[in-house]
């Protein structure tokens, strides 16, 4: 019998197995920790399902739902479980998983005309019960692969027109797909081994549809509890309506627009949408200023949301309202290095609110609002301390002070300032483009791609280093930004319907340079597979004022 050697990262031990042994069988043979339930694995740092057969020596690391990739696999598997339940119970309706919100995934059911139907509590409970029945059956998620033409015929038979259109715009010779019982679907990452391995979930009625809730991040044995995100929902749904008007809601439709040479019009309309949204925010600030309020505008959002360009374009809109914008940076209010808090690893935590001199910041704002002149501080990152230079600032009657920083929505930042003087804006790339009806696009992936391109161009940082740092960035966002998003007076969705088609040519060469031997290769290979779904959109069609230029270069703004 042909045997091969496997190195199991989890146990730091070599194993000998027969050629063709599946990862699931290897997991059962390995001495994994009690209670550890793998849902997928990294094979030579590339994500694979547990049905993957091994025929040559490999390094294998098994992942459970506690890891980021494992959680993604778990959630996507729940999506197919949900699709099967809906297909079984309501064969005349279409399931559409719209977006990630409120710690879950907003789902709607559509009739044959494409119109959303209201889903009752009883119907939500019926779907949840059918999902539980399928979990009890422990049916395998079977990965199959056939010539793309045959898969297209299969999807046509299942009335999955969105998937058909996507495959017809790609040049893939073979296409993988999954079956769960008699249900057929496609997902662009591995799925769990069986329905019995994804039993932690819940469904909750939400708006006209329902939320699919996966395992809680802190307690994976229980489903997440939803939170209210009304302002986020409004920002998302406004763009969903926009997508419907321009007839581009998924990647297949975007690719068709590229094929039909319609991207120039698409870009112009999407850019006009940004102008309209920022103009609306400017008008709201002007109305508040007319009442003597909103002298200070705070702009916050997660990494690579385009906050800087949003500030500059908002400033232009404010000037059309006869308001003079003046900008300062929160970075200049950092405390000296020796007073900077440290994180759990002992490193300086520059993302902590308490890395800022809150007392000096609030004092300066109070004096500015009182009509006094202040001298802005300057922080030297080289020296690790504040230096005083001559930087006088005073707010006149028609001035507005704009401040960009990750803590802008945290009420503790401006704890001594009367809230009526503050106008808060949340900026984030709330991606509303879907791959297809069952595969949404992660807003985090969108922002990561932006950051990879920007870091390489402006900071000479490699893609693998950006990917390595990303989990730390995300932890900071979860702690210091996301909990305060609903405090915003306005939410600006900085995503652009065309951007991933443009970013493709910029990001792919950087991702291909990530070494296979590094753990970051798992993310790089996944993002490459994702970008392969898009047809390229020429960057020269993107105007110099576009928010996307903050990442690509070629902006008419100075940063």
Protein backbone atom coordinates (compact mmCIF):
# COMPACT_ATOMS: atom_id res chain seq x y z
CA UNK A 1 0.00 0.00 0.00
CA UNK A 2 1.32 3.45 -0.94
CA UNK A 3 1.74 5.54 2.23
CA UNK A 4 2.47 9.25 2.44
CA UNK A 5 3.64 11.50 5.25
CA UNK A 6 1.40 14.24 6.61
CA UNK A 7 2.57 16.89 9.05
CA UNK A 8 -0.35 17.93 11.27
CA UNK A 9 0.13 21.50 12.51
CA UNK A 10 -2.46 21.03 15.27
CA UNK A 11 -0.51 18.23 16.94
CA UNK A 12 2.96 19.23 15.62
CA UNK A 13 3.42 15.60 14.62
CA UNK A 14 4.00 13.56 11.47
CA UNK A 15 1.43 10.99 10.38
CA UNK A 16 1.58 8.23 7.80
CA UNK A 17 -1.61 7.64 5.84
CA UNK A 18 -2.61 5.76 2.72
CA UNK A 19 -2.64 7.72 -0.52
CA UNK A 20 -6.11 9.04 -1.27
CA UNK A 21 -7.13 9.34 2.40
CA UNK A 22 -9.51 12.25 2.93
CA UNK A 23 -8.81 15.10 5.32
CA UNK A 24 -11.86 14.06 7.33
CA UNK A 25 -10.38 10.59 7.86
CA UNK A 26 -7.00 12.12 8.76
CA UNK A 27 -8.72 14.38 11.30
CA UNK A 28 -10.28 11.31 12.91
CA UNK A 29 -6.87 9.60 13.03
CA UNK A 30 -5.07 12.63 14.47
CA UNK A 31 -4.91 13.21 18.19
CA UNK A 32 -6.84 16.50 18.09
CA UNK A 33 -7.88 18.25 21.28
CA UNK A 34 -11.14 16.99 22.85
CA UNK A 35 -14.08 19.13 21.73
CA UNK A 36 -12.21 20.46 18.69
CA UNK A 37 -14.48 19.96 15.67
CA UNK A 38 -12.81 20.83 12.37
CA UNK A 39 -14.93 22.20 9.52
CA UNK A 40 -12.13 22.66 6.97
CA UNK A 41 -8.35 22.60 6.71
CA UNK A 42 -5.36 24.44 5.32
CA UNK A 43 -3.38 22.14 3.04
CA UNK A 44 0.00 23.72 2.35
CA UNK A 45 -1.67 26.97 3.43
CA UNK A 46 -4.56 26.64 0.99
CA UNK A 47 -8.13 26.16 2.19
CA UNK A 48 -9.72 22.81 1.37
CA UNK A 49 -12.88 20.98 2.39
CA UNK A 50 -12.50 17.91 4.58
CA UNK A 51 -13.51 15.70 1.68
CA UNK A 52 -10.23 16.59 -0.06
CA UNK A 53 -8.16 13.41 -0.75
CA UNK A 54 -4.41 13.56 -0.11
CA UNK A 55 -2.09 11.82 -2.61
CA UNK A 56 1.29 13.38 -1.74
CA UNK A 57 3.10 14.68 1.37
CA UNK A 58 1.34 17.72 2.79
CA UNK A 59 1.26 20.08 5.74
CA UNK A 60 -2.25 20.11 7.16
CA UNK A 61 -3.83 22.42 9.71
CA UNK A 62 -7.40 21.67 10.75
CA UNK A 63 -9.65 24.65 11.50
CA UNK A 64 -12.83 24.89 13.53
CA UNK A 65 -15.51 27.59 13.64
CA UNK A 66 -13.41 29.56 16.13
CA UNK A 67 -10.98 30.60 13.39
CA UNK A 68 -11.89 33.29 10.85
CA UNK A 69 -11.71 30.93 7.88
CA UNK A 70 -13.50 28.19 9.80
CA UNK A 71 -16.29 30.61 10.69
CA UNK A 72 -16.62 31.68 7.05
CA UNK A 73 -16.89 28.02 5.98
CA UNK A 74 -19.45 27.38 8.73
CA UNK A 75 -21.61 30.34 7.66
CA UNK A 76 -21.50 29.48 3.95
CA UNK A 77 -22.48 25.90 4.84
CA UNK A 78 -25.43 27.26 6.81
CA UNK A 79 -26.42 29.19 3.68
CA UNK A 80 -26.71 25.98 1.68
CA UNK A 81 -28.58 24.37 4.57
CA UNK A 82 -30.97 27.33 4.47
CA UNK A 83 -31.32 27.14 0.69
CA UNK A 84 -32.25 23.47 0.90
CA UNK A 85 -34.92 24.20 3.53
CA UNK A 86 -36.43 27.01 1.43
CA UNK A 87 -36.36 24.85 -1.71
CA UNK A 88 -38.06 21.99 0.13
CA UNK A 89 -40.81 24.16 1.65
CA UNK A 90 -41.36 26.91 -0.93
CA UNK A 91 -40.19 25.64 -4.34
CA UNK A 92 -41.79 28.59 -6.16
CA UNK A 93 -39.77 31.21 -4.26
CA UNK A 94 -36.19 32.42 -4.65
CA UNK A 95 -33.88 32.80 -1.67
CA UNK A 96 -31.70 35.91 -1.75
CA UNK A 97 -29.06 36.47 0.93
CA UNK A 98 -28.65 40.22 0.71
CA UNK A 99 -26.00 41.34 3.17
CA UNK A 100 -24.31 40.98 6.54
CA UNK A 101 -25.95 43.10 9.23
CA UNK A 102 -27.00 43.01 12.90
CA UNK A 103 -24.55 40.11 13.58
CA UNK A 104 -26.37 38.01 11.02
CA UNK A 105 -27.22 37.76 7.32
CA UNK A 106 -30.33 39.41 5.99
CA UNK A 107 -32.35 37.08 3.77
CA UNK A 108 -35.44 37.65 1.66
CA UNK A 109 -37.75 35.46 -0.39
CA UNK A 110 -38.74 36.61 -3.87
CA UNK A 111 -41.62 35.50 -6.08
CA UNK A 112 -41.29 34.60 -9.76
CA UNK A 113 -41.55 38.28 -10.71
CA UNK A 114 -38.51 39.09 -8.55
CA UNK A 115 -40.54 40.92 -5.92
CA UNK A 116 -39.87 40.35 -2.24
CA UNK A 117 -42.65 38.65 -0.31
CA UNK A 118 -43.24 39.23 3.39
CA UNK A 119 -42.10 36.27 5.48
CA UNK A 120 -44.23 35.60 8.57
CA UNK A 121 -42.93 34.39 11.94
CA UNK A 122 -44.60 31.05 11.30
CA UNK A 123 -42.82 30.68 7.98
CA UNK A 124 -39.48 31.60 9.55
CA UNK A 125 -40.05 28.94 12.20
CA UNK A 126 -40.99 26.38 9.52
CA UNK A 127 -37.71 27.06 7.68
CA UNK A 128 -35.72 26.81 10.90
CA UNK A 129 -37.38 23.51 11.78
CA UNK A 130 -36.62 22.07 8.33
CA UNK A 131 -32.98 23.12 8.75
CA UNK A 132 -32.87 21.31 12.10
CA UNK A 133 -34.30 18.18 10.48
CA UNK A 134 -31.54 18.25 7.86
CA UNK A 135 -28.92 18.73 10.58
CA UNK A 136 -30.28 15.61 12.31
CA UNK A 137 -29.95 13.63 9.05
CA UNK A 138 -26.25 14.58 8.89
CA UNK A 139 -26.25 14.74 5.09
CA UNK A 140 -22.83 15.25 3.44
CA UNK A 141 -21.96 18.43 1.55
CA UNK A 142 -20.58 16.77 -1.58
CA UNK A 143 -18.20 18.75 -3.77
CA UNK A 144 -18.39 17.86 -7.47
CA UNK A 145 -16.76 19.25 -10.58
CA UNK A 146 -17.90 19.09 -14.19
CA UNK A 147 -17.38 20.96 -17.47
CA UNK A 148 -18.83 24.43 -17.07
CA UNK A 149 -21.33 23.84 -19.88
CA UNK A 150 -22.81 20.90 -17.94
CA UNK A 151 -22.94 22.91 -14.69
CA UNK A 152 -24.75 25.70 -16.54
CA UNK A 153 -27.36 23.18 -17.69
CA UNK A 154 -27.74 21.91 -14.11
CA UNK A 155 -28.27 25.45 -12.79
CA UNK A 156 -30.74 26.23 -15.57
CA UNK A 157 -32.74 23.21 -14.46
CA UNK A 158 -32.76 24.58 -10.92
CA UNK A 159 -33.81 28.09 -12.06
CA UNK A 160 -30.59 29.59 -10.73
CA UNK A 161 -30.35 32.24 -13.43
CA UNK A 162 -27.94 34.47 -11.48
CA UNK A 163 -25.40 31.62 -11.34
CA UNK A 164 -25.94 30.82 -15.01
CA UNK A 165 -25.24 34.40 -16.03
CA UNK A 166 -22.04 34.51 -13.97
CA UNK A 167 -20.70 31.27 -15.44
CA UNK A 168 -21.56 32.43 -18.96
CA UNK A 169 -19.36 35.52 -18.46
CA UNK A 170 -16.36 33.48 -17.28
CA UNK A 171 -13.93 31.40 -19.31
CA UNK A 172 -13.69 28.48 -16.90
CA UNK A 173 -13.42 25.06 -18.51
CA UNK A 174 -14.55 23.23 -15.35
CA UNK A 175 -16.71 24.47 -12.48
CA UNK A 176 -17.12 22.99 -8.99
CA UNK A 177 -20.50 22.84 -7.27
CA UNK A 178 -22.03 21.22 -4.18
CA UNK A 179 -24.92 18.92 -3.43
CA UNK A 180 -26.78 18.48 -0.15
CA UNK A 181 -29.23 15.65 -0.63
CA UNK A 182 -31.02 16.53 -3.86
CA UNK A 183 -30.20 20.27 -3.58
CA UNK A 184 -27.56 21.76 -5.90
CA UNK A 185 -25.70 25.03 -5.29
CA UNK A 186 -22.32 26.73 -5.70
CA UNK A 187 -20.07 28.47 -3.18
CA UNK A 188 -16.66 30.01 -3.63
CA UNK A 189 -14.97 28.48 -0.63
CA UNK A 190 -14.98 25.02 0.98
CA UNK A 191 -18.05 23.83 2.86
CA UNK A 192 -18.25 21.80 6.06
CA UNK A 193 -18.21 17.99 5.83
CA UNK A 194 -21.91 17.51 6.59
CA UNK A 195 -25.11 19.17 7.77
CA UNK A 196 -24.63 17.63 11.19
CA UNK A 197 -21.47 19.69 11.71
CA UNK A 198 -23.28 23.05 11.41
CA UNK A 199 -26.01 22.67 14.01
CA UNK A 200 -25.49 25.98 15.85
CA UNK A 201 -27.65 28.66 14.20
CA UNK A 202 -30.89 30.56 14.49
CA UNK A 203 -33.39 32.38 12.28
CA UNK A 204 -35.10 35.59 13.41
CA UNK A 205 -37.75 37.63 11.59
CA UNK A 206 -36.21 40.90 10.36
CA UNK A 207 -37.88 43.61 8.28
CA UNK A 208 -39.77 41.82 5.47
CA UNK A 209 -37.43 38.82 5.62
CA UNK A 210 -35.30 37.20 8.29
CA UNK A 211 -31.80 37.02 9.75
CA UNK A 212 -29.62 33.93 9.52
CA UNK A 213 -27.49 33.87 12.68
CA UNK A 214 -24.37 31.73 12.99
CA UNK A 215 -22.34 30.82 16.08
CA UNK A 216 -21.52 33.61 18.51
CA UNK A 217 -17.90 34.72 18.34
CA UNK A 218 -17.47 34.63 22.11
CA UNK A 219 -19.55 31.51 22.73
CA UNK A 220 -19.48 29.25 19.63
CA UNK A 221 -21.90 26.77 21.19
CA UNK A 222 -24.73 29.33 20.97
CA UNK A 223 -26.01 31.38 18.04
CA UNK A 224 -25.31 35.11 17.88
CA UNK A 225 -27.89 37.50 19.25
CA UNK A 226 -28.95 40.24 16.80
CA UNK A 227 -28.35 43.92 17.51
CA UNK A 228 -30.18 46.96 16.16
CA UNK A 229 -28.45 48.63 13.19
CA UNK A 230 -31.20 50.74 11.68
CA UNK A 231 -28.92 53.39 10.20
CA UNK A 232 -26.69 50.74 8.67
CA UNK A 233 -29.74 48.99 7.23
CA UNK A 234 -30.95 52.23 5.65
CA UNK A 235 -27.53 52.90 4.06
CA UNK A 236 -27.38 49.35 2.71
CA UNK A 237 -30.91 49.29 1.31
CA UNK A 238 -30.56 52.69 -0.35
CA UNK A 239 -27.70 51.26 -2.41
CA UNK A 240 -29.62 48.03 -3.08
CA UNK A 241 -32.36 50.15 -4.66
CA UNK A 242 -29.71 52.01 -6.65
CA UNK A 243 -28.29 48.69 -7.88
CA UNK A 244 -31.74 47.64 -9.03
CA UNK A 245 -32.23 50.89 -10.97
CA UNK A 246 -28.91 50.55 -12.83
CA UNK A 247 -29.56 46.81 -13.32
CA UNK A 248 -26.30 45.68 -11.72
CA UNK A 249 -26.86 43.73 -8.50
CA UNK A 250 -24.46 40.81 -8.93
CA UNK A 251 -21.13 39.99 -10.54
CA UNK A 252 -22.73 38.34 -13.57
CA UNK A 253 -24.62 41.56 -14.36
CA UNK A 254 -21.46 43.62 -13.80
CA UNK A 255 -19.52 41.37 -16.18
CA UNK A 256 -22.28 41.75 -18.77
CA UNK A 257 -21.96 45.54 -18.47
CA UNK A 258 -18.21 45.20 -19.14
CA UNK A 259 -18.87 42.99 -22.18
CA UNK A 260 -21.38 45.52 -23.51
CA UNK A 261 -18.99 48.49 -23.00
CA UNK A 262 -21.34 50.10 -20.47
CA UNK A 263 -18.82 50.65 -17.67
CA UNK A 264 -18.20 54.33 -18.44
CA UNK A 265 -21.87 55.14 -17.87
CA UNK A 266 -21.92 52.88 -14.81
CA UNK A 267 -18.94 54.69 -13.30
CA UNK A 268 -20.43 58.13 -13.96
CA UNK A 269 -23.73 57.20 -12.32
CA UNK A 270 -22.01 55.60 -9.29
CA UNK A 271 -19.81 58.68 -8.81
CA UNK A 272 -22.88 60.91 -9.08
CA UNK A 273 -24.52 58.82 -6.35
CA UNK A 274 -21.56 59.58 -4.06
CA UNK A 275 -21.88 63.29 -4.82
CA UNK A 276 -25.60 63.19 -4.09
CA UNK A 277 -25.11 61.43 -0.75
CA UNK A 278 -22.37 63.83 0.35
CA UNK A 279 -24.46 66.77 -0.85
CA UNK A 280 -27.35 65.56 1.26
CA UNK A 281 -25.08 65.34 4.32
CA UNK A 282 -23.75 68.84 3.57
CA UNK A 283 -27.29 70.21 3.38
CA UNK A 284 -28.10 68.62 6.75
CA UNK A 285 -25.01 70.19 8.33
CA UNK A 286 -25.92 73.57 6.80
CA UNK A 287 -29.43 73.34 8.28
CA UNK A 288 -27.95 72.58 11.70
CA UNK A 289 -25.44 75.45 11.33
CA UNK A 290 -28.31 77.84 10.59
CA UNK A 291 -29.60 76.99 14.09
CA UNK A 292 -26.20 77.64 15.66
CA UNK A 293 -25.35 73.92 15.98
CA UNK A 294 -22.95 71.44 14.35
CA UNK A 295 -19.80 73.55 14.48
CA UNK A 296 -17.72 70.37 14.62
CA UNK A 297 -18.02 67.45 12.17
CA UNK A 298 -16.51 64.14 13.28
CA UNK A 299 -15.89 61.50 10.60
CA UNK A 300 -15.10 57.91 11.57
CA UNK A 301 -15.07 54.50 9.97
CA UNK A 302 -13.04 51.32 9.63
CA UNK A 303 -9.76 50.99 7.76
CA UNK A 304 -9.75 51.68 4.01
CA UNK A 305 -13.25 53.08 3.95
CA UNK A 306 -12.08 56.16 2.08
CA UNK A 307 -12.52 58.54 5.00
CA UNK A 308 -9.87 60.99 3.77
CA UNK A 309 -11.40 61.47 0.31
CA UNK A 310 -14.87 61.58 1.89
CA UNK A 311 -13.65 64.49 4.06
CA UNK A 312 -12.28 66.36 1.05
CA UNK A 313 -15.36 65.85 -1.08
CA UNK A 314 -17.62 66.81 1.82
CA UNK A 315 -15.56 69.99 2.23
CA UNK A 316 -16.34 70.89 -1.39
CA UNK A 317 -20.03 70.28 -0.83
CA UNK A 318 -19.98 72.44 2.31
CA UNK A 319 -18.42 75.31 0.37
CA UNK A 320 -21.33 75.17 -2.07
CA UNK A 321 -23.47 75.79 1.03
CA UNK A 322 -21.30 78.86 1.83
CA UNK A 323 -19.66 77.09 4.75
CA UNK A 324 -15.88 77.22 5.18
CA UNK A 325 -14.43 73.84 6.21
CA UNK A 326 -11.32 73.68 8.37
CA UNK A 327 -9.67 70.33 9.02
CA UNK A 328 -7.53 68.97 11.83
CA UNK A 329 -6.19 65.49 12.56
CA UNK A 330 -6.74 63.48 15.71
CA UNK A 331 -3.21 62.11 15.24
CA UNK A 332 -1.79 65.40 16.54
CA UNK A 333 -3.46 64.74 19.89
CA UNK A 334 -1.57 61.52 20.65
CA UNK A 335 -0.08 61.37 24.12
CA UNK A 336 3.68 61.02 24.45
CA UNK A 337 5.00 57.55 23.74
CA UNK A 338 5.71 56.70 27.39
CA UNK A 339 2.04 57.37 28.23
CA UNK A 340 0.63 55.30 25.37
CA UNK A 341 -1.48 52.28 26.49
CA UNK A 342 -0.27 48.81 25.59
CA UNK A 343 -2.28 45.93 24.17
CA UNK A 344 -2.44 42.33 25.37
CA UNK A 345 0.85 41.53 23.62
CA UNK A 346 2.69 44.39 25.29
CA UNK A 347 2.92 46.50 22.13
CA UNK A 348 1.83 50.13 22.02
CA UNK A 349 -1.89 50.33 21.30
CA UNK A 350 -2.17 53.39 19.08
CA UNK A 351 -5.78 52.48 18.24
CA UNK A 352 -6.89 52.87 21.85
CA UNK A 353 -9.02 55.92 22.65
CA UNK A 354 -6.67 56.53 25.55
CA UNK A 355 -3.71 56.97 23.24
CA UNK A 356 -5.19 60.46 22.74
CA UNK A 357 -4.88 63.44 25.06
CA UNK A 358 -8.62 63.76 25.64
CA UNK A 359 -8.27 66.61 28.12
CA UNK A 360 -6.28 68.80 25.69
CA UNK A 361 -8.54 67.84 22.78
CA UNK A 362 -11.76 68.77 24.59
CA UNK A 363 -10.24 71.96 25.94
CA UNK A 364 -9.21 73.06 22.44
CA UNK A 365 -12.68 72.30 21.05
CA UNK A 366 -14.38 74.25 23.84
CA UNK A 367 -12.17 77.28 23.19
CA UNK A 368 -12.78 77.09 19.44
CA UNK A 369 -16.55 76.95 19.94
CA UNK A 370 -16.25 79.97 22.26
CA UNK A 371 -14.59 81.94 19.45
CA UNK A 372 -11.08 81.82 20.89
CA UNK A 373 -7.89 81.17 18.97
CA UNK A 374 -5.91 78.04 19.81
CA UNK A 375 -2.52 76.75 18.76
CA UNK A 376 -2.86 73.28 17.25
CA UNK A 377 -0.41 70.70 18.60
CA UNK A 378 1.87 68.71 16.31
CA UNK A 379 2.77 65.11 17.07
CA UNK A 380 6.16 63.81 15.99
CA UNK A 381 6.02 60.07 15.34
CA UNK A 382 9.80 60.04 15.01
CA UNK A 383 10.31 61.55 18.46
CA UNK A 384 7.27 59.87 19.97
CA UNK A 385 6.04 63.07 21.57
CA UNK A 386 4.14 66.26 20.93
CA UNK A 387 6.01 69.32 19.72
CA UNK A 388 4.66 72.84 19.77
CA UNK A 389 4.88 74.84 16.55
CA UNK A 390 3.02 77.92 15.41
CA UNK A 391 -0.31 76.59 14.09
CA UNK A 392 -3.02 79.09 15.07
CA UNK A 393 -6.67 78.22 14.47
CA UNK A 394 -9.90 80.11 15.05
CA UNK A 395 -13.45 79.30 13.93
CA UNK A 396 -15.37 82.15 12.31
CA UNK A 397 -19.15 82.36 12.16
CA UNK A 398 -19.48 80.42 8.89
CA UNK A 399 -16.70 77.90 9.61
CA UNK A 400 -17.04 74.19 10.36
CA UNK A 401 -14.26 72.14 11.91
CA UNK A 402 -13.88 68.69 10.27
CA UNK A 403 -12.03 66.00 12.23
CA UNK A 404 -11.30 62.55 10.84
CA UNK A 405 -10.35 59.65 13.13
CA UNK A 406 -11.39 56.17 14.15
CA UNK A 407 -12.88 57.38 17.47
CA UNK A 408 -15.11 60.06 16.00
CA UNK A 409 -18.37 58.31 16.97
CA UNK A 410 -17.29 57.40 20.50
CA UNK A 411 -19.11 59.78 22.90
CA UNK A 412 -16.15 59.65 25.27
CA UNK A 413 -13.97 61.41 22.70
CA UNK A 414 -15.91 64.66 23.15
CA UNK A 415 -17.23 64.01 26.64
CA UNK A 416 -17.22 67.66 27.75
CA UNK A 417 -18.74 69.11 24.56
CA UNK A 418 -22.46 69.84 24.24
CA UNK A 419 -23.72 67.19 21.74
CA UNK A 420 -25.64 69.81 19.75
CA UNK A 421 -22.32 71.21 18.55
CA UNK A 422 -21.25 67.82 17.13
CA UNK A 423 -22.28 66.25 13.81
CA UNK A 424 -21.11 62.65 13.40
CA UNK A 425 -20.61 60.80 10.12
CA UNK A 426 -19.91 57.08 9.76
CA UNK A 427 -18.06 56.12 6.57
CA UNK A 428 -17.77 52.50 5.47
CA UNK A 429 -17.60 50.50 2.25
CA UNK A 430 -20.95 48.73 2.69
CA UNK A 431 -20.67 46.45 -0.33
CA UNK A 432 -24.06 45.72 -1.87
CA UNK A 433 -22.86 43.87 -4.96
CA UNK A 434 -23.42 40.10 -4.65
CA UNK A 435 -21.61 37.25 -6.39
CA UNK A 436 -25.03 35.63 -6.80
CA UNK A 437 -28.21 35.22 -4.77
CA UNK A 438 -26.55 32.92 -2.21
CA UNK A 439 -23.07 34.48 -2.09
CA UNK A 440 -22.67 38.03 -0.78
CA UNK A 441 -19.41 39.96 -0.95
CA UNK A 442 -17.74 40.61 2.38
CA UNK A 443 -17.27 44.32 3.14
CA UNK A 444 -14.12 43.32 5.02
CA UNK A 445 -12.67 41.67 1.88
CA UNK A 446 -13.49 44.77 -0.13
CA UNK A 447 -11.63 46.97 2.34
CA UNK A 448 -8.71 44.55 2.61
CA UNK A 449 -8.21 44.66 -1.17
CA UNK A 450 -8.26 48.46 -1.05
CA UNK A 451 -5.67 48.43 1.72
CA UNK A 452 -3.40 45.91 -0.05
CA UNK A 453 -3.29 48.14 -3.14
CA UNK A 454 -2.79 51.36 -1.14
CA UNK A 455 -0.17 49.90 1.20
CA UNK A 456 1.90 48.74 -1.76
CA UNK A 457 1.63 52.00 -3.69
CA UNK A 458 2.10 54.55 -0.91
CA UNK A 459 3.80 52.69 1.94
CA UNK A 460 5.85 50.05 0.07
CA UNK A 461 4.26 47.33 2.22
CA UNK A 462 3.84 43.88 0.66
CA UNK A 463 0.50 42.13 0.38
CA UNK A 464 1.57 39.38 2.79
CA UNK A 465 2.46 41.98 5.43
CA UNK A 466 -0.87 43.79 4.98
CA UNK A 467 -2.71 40.46 5.29
CA UNK A 468 -0.66 39.58 8.39
CA UNK A 469 -1.64 42.84 10.10
CA UNK A 470 -5.31 42.68 9.05
CA UNK A 471 -6.61 40.59 12.02
CA UNK A 472 -5.16 43.15 14.44
CA UNK A 473 -6.79 45.96 12.46
CA UNK A 474 -10.12 44.11 12.57
CA UNK A 475 -9.87 43.57 16.34
CA UNK A 476 -9.36 47.31 16.78
CA UNK A 477 -12.40 48.03 14.62
CA UNK A 478 -14.55 45.60 16.59
CA UNK A 479 -13.54 47.33 19.83
CA UNK A 480 -13.33 51.01 18.92
CA UNK A 481 -15.47 51.62 15.81
CA UNK A 482 -18.33 49.21 15.13
CA UNK A 483 -20.02 49.49 18.56
CA UNK A 484 -20.54 53.23 17.95
CA UNK A 485 -21.71 53.19 14.32
CA UNK A 486 -25.34 53.81 15.26
CA UNK A 487 -24.32 57.04 17.03
CA UNK A 488 -23.83 58.69 13.63
CA UNK A 489 -26.05 61.49 12.40
CA UNK A 490 -25.35 60.30 8.86
CA UNK A 491 -23.92 57.15 7.27
CA UNK A 492 -21.99 57.44 4.02
CA UNK A 493 -21.62 54.24 2.01
CA UNK A 494 -18.26 54.63 0.26
CA UNK A 495 -18.50 51.44 -1.82
CA UNK A 496 -18.60 51.73 -5.59
CA UNK A 497 -20.45 49.14 -7.67
CA UNK A 498 -17.60 48.94 -10.23
CA UNK A 499 -14.56 49.06 -7.96
CA UNK A 500 -13.66 45.36 -7.74
CA UNK A 501 -13.48 45.16 -11.53
CA UNK A 502 -10.99 48.05 -11.47
CA UNK A 503 -9.02 46.78 -8.47
CA UNK A 504 -8.56 43.35 -10.06
CA UNK A 505 -5.54 44.30 -12.19
CA UNK A 506 -3.92 46.13 -9.27
CA UNK A 507 -4.44 43.49 -6.59
CA UNK A 508 -3.84 40.24 -8.46
CA UNK A 509 -0.06 40.72 -9.08
CA UNK A 510 0.43 41.66 -5.42
CA UNK A 511 -1.49 38.63 -4.19
CA UNK A 512 0.44 36.28 -6.48
CA UNK A 513 3.66 37.42 -4.80
CA UNK A 514 2.55 36.12 -1.38
CA UNK A 515 4.84 33.11 -0.69
CA UNK A 516 3.11 29.73 -0.52
CA UNK A 517 5.03 28.88 2.63
CA UNK A 518 3.42 31.69 4.64
CA UNK A 519 0.07 31.43 6.41
CA UNK A 520 -1.03 34.62 4.63
CA UNK A 521 -1.14 32.59 1.43
CA UNK A 522 -4.50 31.15 2.55
CA UNK A 523 -6.10 34.60 2.35
CA UNK A 524 -4.17 35.55 -0.80
CA UNK A 525 -5.30 32.42 -2.68
CA UNK A 526 -8.90 32.94 -1.58
CA UNK A 527 -8.86 36.56 -2.76
CA UNK A 528 -7.32 35.54 -6.09
CA UNK A 529 -10.08 33.02 -6.60
CA UNK A 530 -12.62 35.72 -5.76
CA UNK A 531 -11.14 38.30 -8.15
CA UNK A 532 -11.11 35.69 -10.91
CA UNK A 533 -14.90 36.06 -11.02
CA UNK A 534 -14.63 39.65 -12.28
CA UNK A 535 -13.97 40.98 -15.74
CA UNK A 536 -11.41 43.79 -15.74
CA UNK A 537 -12.64 47.39 -15.88
CA UNK A 538 -9.99 49.86 -17.19
CA UNK A 539 -8.80 52.26 -14.49
CA UNK A 540 -8.54 55.14 -16.96
CA UNK A 541 -12.34 55.37 -16.87
CA UNK A 542 -12.23 56.30 -13.16
CA UNK A 543 -12.25 60.10 -12.63
CA UNK A 544 -9.48 61.79 -10.64
CA UNK A 545 -11.99 62.91 -7.99
CA UNK A 546 -13.19 59.36 -7.32
CA UNK A 547 -12.84 57.99 -3.82
CA UNK A 548 -11.23 54.93 -5.41
CA UNK A 549 -8.25 57.10 -6.43
CA UNK A 550 -7.29 57.29 -2.74
CA UNK A 551 -6.13 53.68 -3.16
CA UNK A 552 -5.17 53.43 -6.82
CA UNK A 553 -3.36 56.76 -7.13
CA UNK A 554 -3.99 59.48 -9.69
CA UNK A 555 -6.25 61.54 -7.43
CA UNK A 556 -6.66 65.27 -7.94
CA UNK A 557 -6.79 65.62 -4.15
CA UNK A 558 -3.64 66.06 -2.07
CA UNK A 559 -3.28 63.60 0.81
